[in-house]
């Protein structure tokens, strides 16, 4: 990716896939900690939406632990979504994947009735490049939060910023 380019390319996806465990220190531990914070019993049925799912490693881990969870894994990269269904093949009867643009509003219907919503935070995310000001990111975060509602909604992160604790707390897993 160069300068003001906002498109995530297939090359970017391949590079990220190779470097993810190095680029994100303790990545697997972070995923494990996140999963331990989910407020559902392993026998509960709930809907999960993973925004910017990448290759769906987190979705797969959650569905492995929660065999009744139904998942929608969305990403803006077609190359990531080529790999995601392969990684989620064992859950194909309760998983769907799709392309989305996090800065658009046409995907918000996907989170109707959601039990857990996973939101990206990495600073290089497309959202952060397309919405460079913190106020714009807060607006998008609030809009998404309103669409999801309060019911068992888990936010793994806050779209590239750390808002005040009282803003995030009710929505943390």
C-alpha atoms as a PDB file:
ATOM      1  CA  UNK A   1       0.000   0.000   0.000  1.00  0.00           C
ATOM      2  CA  UNK A   2       1.328   3.390  -0.821  1.00  0.00           C
ATOM      3  CA  UNK A   3       0.650   6.905   0.430  1.00  0.00           C
ATOM      4  CA  UNK A   4      -3.024   7.752   0.164  1.00  0.00           C
ATOM      5  CA  UNK A   5      -4.029   4.452  -1.445  1.00  0.00           C
ATOM      6  CA  UNK A   6      -6.969   3.064   0.511  1.00  0.00           C
ATOM      7  CA  UNK A   7      -7.433  -0.221  -1.316  1.00  0.00           C
ATOM      8  CA  UNK A   8      -6.319  -3.415   0.401  1.00  0.00           C
ATOM      9  CA  UNK A   9      -4.810  -5.539  -2.331  1.00  0.00           C
ATOM     10  CA  UNK A  10      -4.369  -9.268  -2.746  1.00  0.00           C
ATOM     11  CA  UNK A  11      -0.641  -8.728  -2.229  1.00  0.00           C
ATOM     12  CA  UNK A  12      -1.354  -6.974   1.077  1.00  0.00           C
ATOM     13  CA  UNK A  13      -3.435  -9.962   2.166  1.00  0.00           C
ATOM     14  CA  UNK A  14      -0.740 -12.466   1.257  1.00  0.00           C
ATOM     15  CA  UNK A  15       1.920 -10.443   3.081  1.00  0.00           C
ATOM     16  CA  UNK A  16      -0.310 -10.100   6.138  1.00  0.00           C
ATOM     17  CA  UNK A  17      -1.021 -13.838   6.153  1.00  0.00           C
ATOM     18  CA  UNK A  18       2.689 -14.595   6.204  1.00  0.00           C
ATOM     19  CA  UNK A  19       3.597 -11.964   8.809  1.00  0.00           C
ATOM     20  CA  UNK A  20       0.537 -11.784  11.080  1.00  0.00           C
ATOM     21  CA  UNK A  21       2.027 -13.738  13.966  1.00  0.00           C
ATOM     22  CA  UNK A  22       5.134 -11.535  13.850  1.00  0.00           C
ATOM     23  CA  UNK A  23       3.399  -8.220  13.104  1.00  0.00           C
ATOM     24  CA  UNK A  24       0.949  -8.699  15.977  1.00  0.00           C
ATOM     25  CA  UNK A  25       2.966  -9.793  19.017  1.00  0.00           C
ATOM     26  CA  UNK A  26       1.192 -12.388  21.162  1.00  0.00           C
ATOM     27  CA  UNK A  27      -1.605 -12.612  18.586  1.00  0.00           C
ATOM     28  CA  UNK A  28      -2.698 -16.113  19.557  1.00  0.00           C
ATOM     29  CA  UNK A  29      -2.634 -15.243  23.256  1.00  0.00           C
ATOM     30  CA  UNK A  30      -4.743 -12.148  22.576  1.00  0.00           C
ATOM     31  CA  UNK A  31      -7.307 -14.267  20.732  1.00  0.00           C
ATOM     32  CA  UNK A  32      -7.390 -16.782  23.588  1.00  0.00           C
ATOM     33  CA  UNK A  33      -7.881 -14.033  26.174  1.00  0.00           C
ATOM     34  CA  UNK A  34     -10.640 -12.475  24.104  1.00  0.00           C
ATOM     35  CA  UNK A  35     -12.458 -15.781  23.792  1.00  0.00           C
ATOM     36  CA  UNK A  36     -12.348 -16.332  27.565  1.00  0.00           C
ATOM     37  CA  UNK A  37     -14.227 -13.035  27.973  1.00  0.00           C
ATOM     38  CA  UNK A  38     -17.237 -14.053  25.872  1.00  0.00           C
ATOM     39  CA  UNK A  39     -20.294 -13.999  28.121  1.00  0.00           C
ATOM     40  CA  UNK A  40     -22.041 -16.995  26.638  1.00  0.00           C
ATOM     41  CA  UNK A  41     -21.975 -20.569  27.897  1.00  0.00           C
ATOM     42  CA  UNK A  42     -20.363 -23.000  25.485  1.00  0.00           C
ATOM     43  CA  UNK A  43     -23.800 -24.601  25.079  1.00  0.00           C
ATOM     44  CA  UNK A  44     -25.546 -21.323  24.135  1.00  0.00           C
ATOM     45  CA  UNK A  45     -26.721 -20.519  20.626  1.00  0.00           C
ATOM     46  CA  UNK A  46     -25.939 -16.992  19.449  1.00  0.00           C
ATOM     47  CA  UNK A  47     -25.130 -15.028  16.317  1.00  0.00           C
ATOM     48  CA  UNK A  48     -21.561 -13.835  15.791  1.00  0.00           C
ATOM     49  CA  UNK A  49     -20.485 -11.202  13.273  1.00  0.00           C
ATOM     50  CA  UNK A  50     -16.753 -10.811  12.656  1.00  0.00           C
ATOM     51  CA  UNK A  51     -16.054  -7.509  10.913  1.00  0.00           C
ATOM     52  CA  UNK A  52     -12.766  -7.432   8.952  1.00  0.00           C
ATOM     53  CA  UNK A  53     -12.426 -11.162   9.629  1.00  0.00           C
ATOM     54  CA  UNK A  54      -9.343 -11.684   7.488  1.00  0.00           C
ATOM     55  CA  UNK A  55      -8.797 -15.418   7.109  1.00  0.00           C
ATOM     56  CA  UNK A  56     -11.337 -16.028   9.922  1.00  0.00           C
ATOM     57  CA  UNK A  57      -8.949 -17.398  12.533  1.00  0.00           C
ATOM     58  CA  UNK A  58     -10.910 -15.816  15.377  1.00  0.00           C
ATOM     59  CA  UNK A  59     -14.260 -16.897  13.935  1.00  0.00           C
ATOM     60  CA  UNK A  60     -12.973 -20.463  13.682  1.00  0.00           C
ATOM     61  CA  UNK A  61     -11.704 -20.436  17.267  1.00  0.00           C
ATOM     62  CA  UNK A  62     -15.027 -19.111  18.579  1.00  0.00           C
ATOM     63  CA  UNK A  63     -17.081 -21.600  16.565  1.00  0.00           C
ATOM     64  CA  UNK A  64     -14.884 -24.443  17.772  1.00  0.00           C
ATOM     65  CA  UNK A  65     -15.578 -23.542  21.397  1.00  0.00           C
ATOM     66  CA  UNK A  66     -19.231 -22.596  20.817  1.00  0.00           C
ATOM     67  CA  UNK A  67     -20.717 -25.353  18.627  1.00  0.00           C
ATOM     68  CA  UNK A  68     -24.148 -23.675  18.462  1.00  0.00           C
ATOM     69  CA  UNK A  69     -22.852 -20.247  17.393  1.00  0.00           C
ATOM     70  CA  UNK A  70     -23.805 -19.075  13.899  1.00  0.00           C
ATOM     71  CA  UNK A  71     -21.257 -16.782  12.262  1.00  0.00           C
ATOM     72  CA  UNK A  72     -21.116 -14.164   9.568  1.00  0.00           C
ATOM     73  CA  UNK A  73     -17.526 -13.326   8.631  1.00  0.00           C
ATOM     74  CA  UNK A  74     -17.160 -10.108   6.631  1.00  0.00           C
ATOM     75  CA  UNK A  75     -14.045  -8.584   5.095  1.00  0.00           C
ATOM     76  CA  UNK A  76     -13.173  -5.928   2.544  1.00  0.00           C
ATOM     77  CA  UNK A  77     -10.531  -8.080   0.873  1.00  0.00           C
ATOM     78  CA  UNK A  78     -11.654 -10.616  -1.701  1.00  0.00           C
ATOM     79  CA  UNK A  79      -8.346 -12.466  -1.330  1.00  0.00           C
ATOM     80  CA  UNK A  80      -8.921 -12.886   2.421  1.00  0.00           C
ATOM     81  CA  UNK A  81     -12.426 -14.131   1.672  1.00  0.00           C
ATOM     82  CA  UNK A  82     -10.981 -16.718  -0.664  1.00  0.00           C
ATOM     83  CA  UNK A  83      -9.169 -18.272   2.306  1.00  0.00           C
ATOM     84  CA  UNK A  84     -11.824 -17.704   5.008  1.00  0.00           C
ATOM     85  CA  UNK A  85     -14.361 -20.294   3.723  1.00  0.00           C
ATOM     86  CA  UNK A  86     -11.581 -22.881   3.520  1.00  0.00           C
ATOM     87  CA  UNK A  87     -10.658 -22.204   7.152  1.00  0.00           C
ATOM     88  CA  UNK A  88     -14.328 -22.384   8.150  1.00  0.00           C
ATOM     89  CA  UNK A  89     -15.259 -25.418   6.023  1.00  0.00           C
ATOM     90  CA  UNK A  90     -16.054 -27.612   9.036  1.00  0.00           C
ATOM     91  CA  UNK A  91     -18.661 -25.032  10.099  1.00  0.00           C
ATOM     92  CA  UNK A  92     -20.177 -24.410   6.654  1.00  0.00           C
ATOM     93  CA  UNK A  93     -23.684 -25.277   7.875  1.00  0.00           C
ATOM     94  CA  UNK A  94     -23.596 -22.370  10.356  1.00  0.00           C
ATOM     95  CA  UNK A  95     -21.242 -19.882   8.718  1.00  0.00           C
ATOM     96  CA  UNK A  96     -21.454 -17.391   5.884  1.00  0.00           C
ATOM     97  CA  UNK A  97     -18.826 -15.025   4.524  1.00  0.00           C
ATOM     98  CA  UNK A  98     -19.165 -11.834   2.558  1.00  0.00           C
ATOM     99  CA  UNK A  99     -17.470  -8.720   1.271  1.00  0.00           C
ATOM    100  CA  UNK A 100     -18.196  -5.414   2.991  1.00  0.00           C
ATOM    101  CA  UNK A 101     -16.924  -1.857   3.214  1.00  0.00           C
ATOM    102  CA  UNK A 102     -16.748  -0.872   6.873  1.00  0.00           C
ATOM    103  CA  UNK A 103     -17.180   2.806   6.006  1.00  0.00           C
ATOM    104  CA  UNK A 104     -20.467   2.155   4.165  1.00  0.00           C
ATOM    105  CA  UNK A 105     -23.836   1.486   5.782  1.00  0.00           C
ATOM    106  CA  UNK A 106     -25.141  -1.264   3.517  1.00  0.00           C
ATOM    107  CA  UNK A 107     -23.809  -4.035   5.796  1.00  0.00           C
ATOM    108  CA  UNK A 108     -25.433  -2.876   9.055  1.00  0.00           C
ATOM    109  CA  UNK A 109     -28.397  -5.233   8.519  1.00  0.00           C
ATOM    110  CA  UNK A 110     -25.894  -8.094   8.970  1.00  0.00           C
ATOM    111  CA  UNK A 111     -25.673  -7.304  12.689  1.00  0.00           C
ATOM    112  CA  UNK A 112     -29.408  -7.407  13.420  1.00  0.00           C
ATOM    113  CA  UNK A 113     -29.978  -9.664  16.415  1.00  0.00           C
ATOM    114  CA  UNK A 114     -26.270 -10.201  16.906  1.00  0.00           C
ATOM    115  CA  UNK A 115     -24.963 -11.682  20.135  1.00  0.00           C
ATOM    116  CA  UNK A 116     -21.278 -10.959  19.590  1.00  0.00           C
ATOM    117  CA  UNK A 117     -19.694  -8.458  17.234  1.00  0.00           C
ATOM    118  CA  UNK A 118     -15.946  -8.506  16.618  1.00  0.00           C
ATOM    119  CA  UNK A 119     -14.624  -5.122  15.477  1.00  0.00           C
ATOM    120  CA  UNK A 120     -11.158  -4.370  14.056  1.00  0.00           C
ATOM    121  CA  UNK A 121      -8.705  -2.085  15.766  1.00  0.00           C
ATOM    122  CA  UNK A 122      -5.408  -2.472  13.939  1.00  0.00           C
ATOM    123  CA  UNK A 123      -4.059   0.987  13.027  1.00  0.00           C
ATOM    124  CA  UNK A 124      -3.477   0.141   9.372  1.00  0.00           C
ATOM    125  CA  UNK A 125      -7.086  -0.881   8.880  1.00  0.00           C
ATOM    126  CA  UNK A 126      -8.985   0.465   5.910  1.00  0.00           C
ATOM    127  CA  UNK A 127     -11.285   2.301   8.282  1.00  0.00           C
ATOM    128  CA  UNK A 128      -8.398   4.246   9.762  1.00  0.00           C
ATOM    129  CA  UNK A 129      -7.090   5.200   6.325  1.00  0.00           C
ATOM    130  CA  UNK A 130     -10.529   6.228   5.043  1.00  0.00           C
ATOM    131  CA  UNK A 131     -11.579   8.001   8.249  1.00  0.00           C
ATOM    132  CA  UNK A 132      -8.377   9.588   9.506  1.00  0.00           C
ATOM    133  CA  UNK A 133      -9.880  11.799  12.197  1.00  0.00           C
ATOM    134  CA  UNK A 134     -10.771  10.431  15.596  1.00  0.00           C
ATOM    135  CA  UNK A 135     -14.147  12.204  15.555  1.00  0.00           C
ATOM    136  CA  UNK A 136     -15.127  10.408  12.328  1.00  0.00           C
ATOM    137  CA  UNK A 137     -14.074   7.058  13.802  1.00  0.00           C
ATOM    138  CA  UNK A 138     -16.050   7.734  16.969  1.00  0.00           C
ATOM    139  CA  UNK A 139     -19.117   8.566  14.838  1.00  0.00           C
ATOM    140  CA  UNK A 140     -18.800   5.296  12.924  1.00  0.00           C
ATOM    141  CA  UNK A 141     -18.224   3.358  16.149  1.00  0.00           C
ATOM    142  CA  UNK A 142     -21.323   4.898  17.752  1.00  0.00           C
ATOM    143  CA  UNK A 143     -23.440   4.249  14.653  1.00  0.00           C
ATOM    144  CA  UNK A 144     -22.333   0.625  14.584  1.00  0.00           C
ATOM    145  CA  UNK A 145     -22.869   0.283  18.326  1.00  0.00           C
ATOM    146  CA  UNK A 146     -26.423   1.637  18.011  1.00  0.00           C
ATOM    147  CA  UNK A 147     -27.141  -0.814  15.207  1.00  0.00           C
ATOM    148  CA  UNK A 148     -25.907  -3.731  17.286  1.00  0.00           C
ATOM    149  CA  UNK A 149     -27.562  -2.689  20.536  1.00  0.00           C
ATOM    150  CA  UNK A 150     -26.626  -3.682  24.054  1.00  0.00           C
ATOM    151  CA  UNK A 151     -27.722  -7.328  24.136  1.00  0.00           C
ATOM    152  CA  UNK A 152     -24.619  -9.417  24.831  1.00  0.00           C
ATOM    153  CA  UNK A 153     -22.688  -7.322  22.361  1.00  0.00           C
ATOM    154  CA  UNK A 154     -18.966  -7.807  22.626  1.00  0.00           C
ATOM    155  CA  UNK A 155     -16.455  -5.387  21.190  1.00  0.00           C
ATOM    156  CA  UNK A 156     -12.932  -6.690  20.970  1.00  0.00           C
ATOM    157  CA  UNK A 157     -11.721  -3.227  20.261  1.00  0.00           C
ATOM    158  CA  UNK A 158     -12.695   0.238  19.269  1.00  0.00           C
ATOM    159  CA  UNK A 159     -11.979   0.896  15.617  1.00  0.00           C
ATOM    160  CA  UNK A 160      -8.482   2.268  16.006  1.00  0.00           C
ATOM    161  CA  UNK A 161      -8.839   4.473  19.044  1.00  0.00           C
ATOM    162  CA  UNK A 162      -9.149   4.130  22.778  1.00  0.00           C
ATOM    163  CA  UNK A 163     -12.294   5.977  23.886  1.00  0.00           C
ATOM    164  CA  UNK A 164     -13.007   6.707  27.540  1.00  0.00           C
ATOM    165  CA  UNK A 165     -13.622   3.570  29.599  1.00  0.00           C
ATOM    166  CA  UNK A 166     -17.262   4.473  30.268  1.00  0.00           C
ATOM    167  CA  UNK A 167     -17.863   4.636  26.500  1.00  0.00           C
ATOM    168  CA  UNK A 168     -16.611   1.113  25.834  1.00  0.00           C
ATOM    169  CA  UNK A 169     -17.278  -0.721  29.074  1.00  0.00           C
ATOM    170  CA  UNK A 170     -20.909  -1.762  28.535  1.00  0.00           C
ATOM    171  CA  UNK A 171     -19.954  -3.211  25.171  1.00  0.00           C
ATOM    172  CA  UNK A 172     -16.806  -5.134  26.067  1.00  0.00           C
ATOM    173  CA  UNK A 173     -16.801  -8.917  26.004  1.00  0.00           C
END
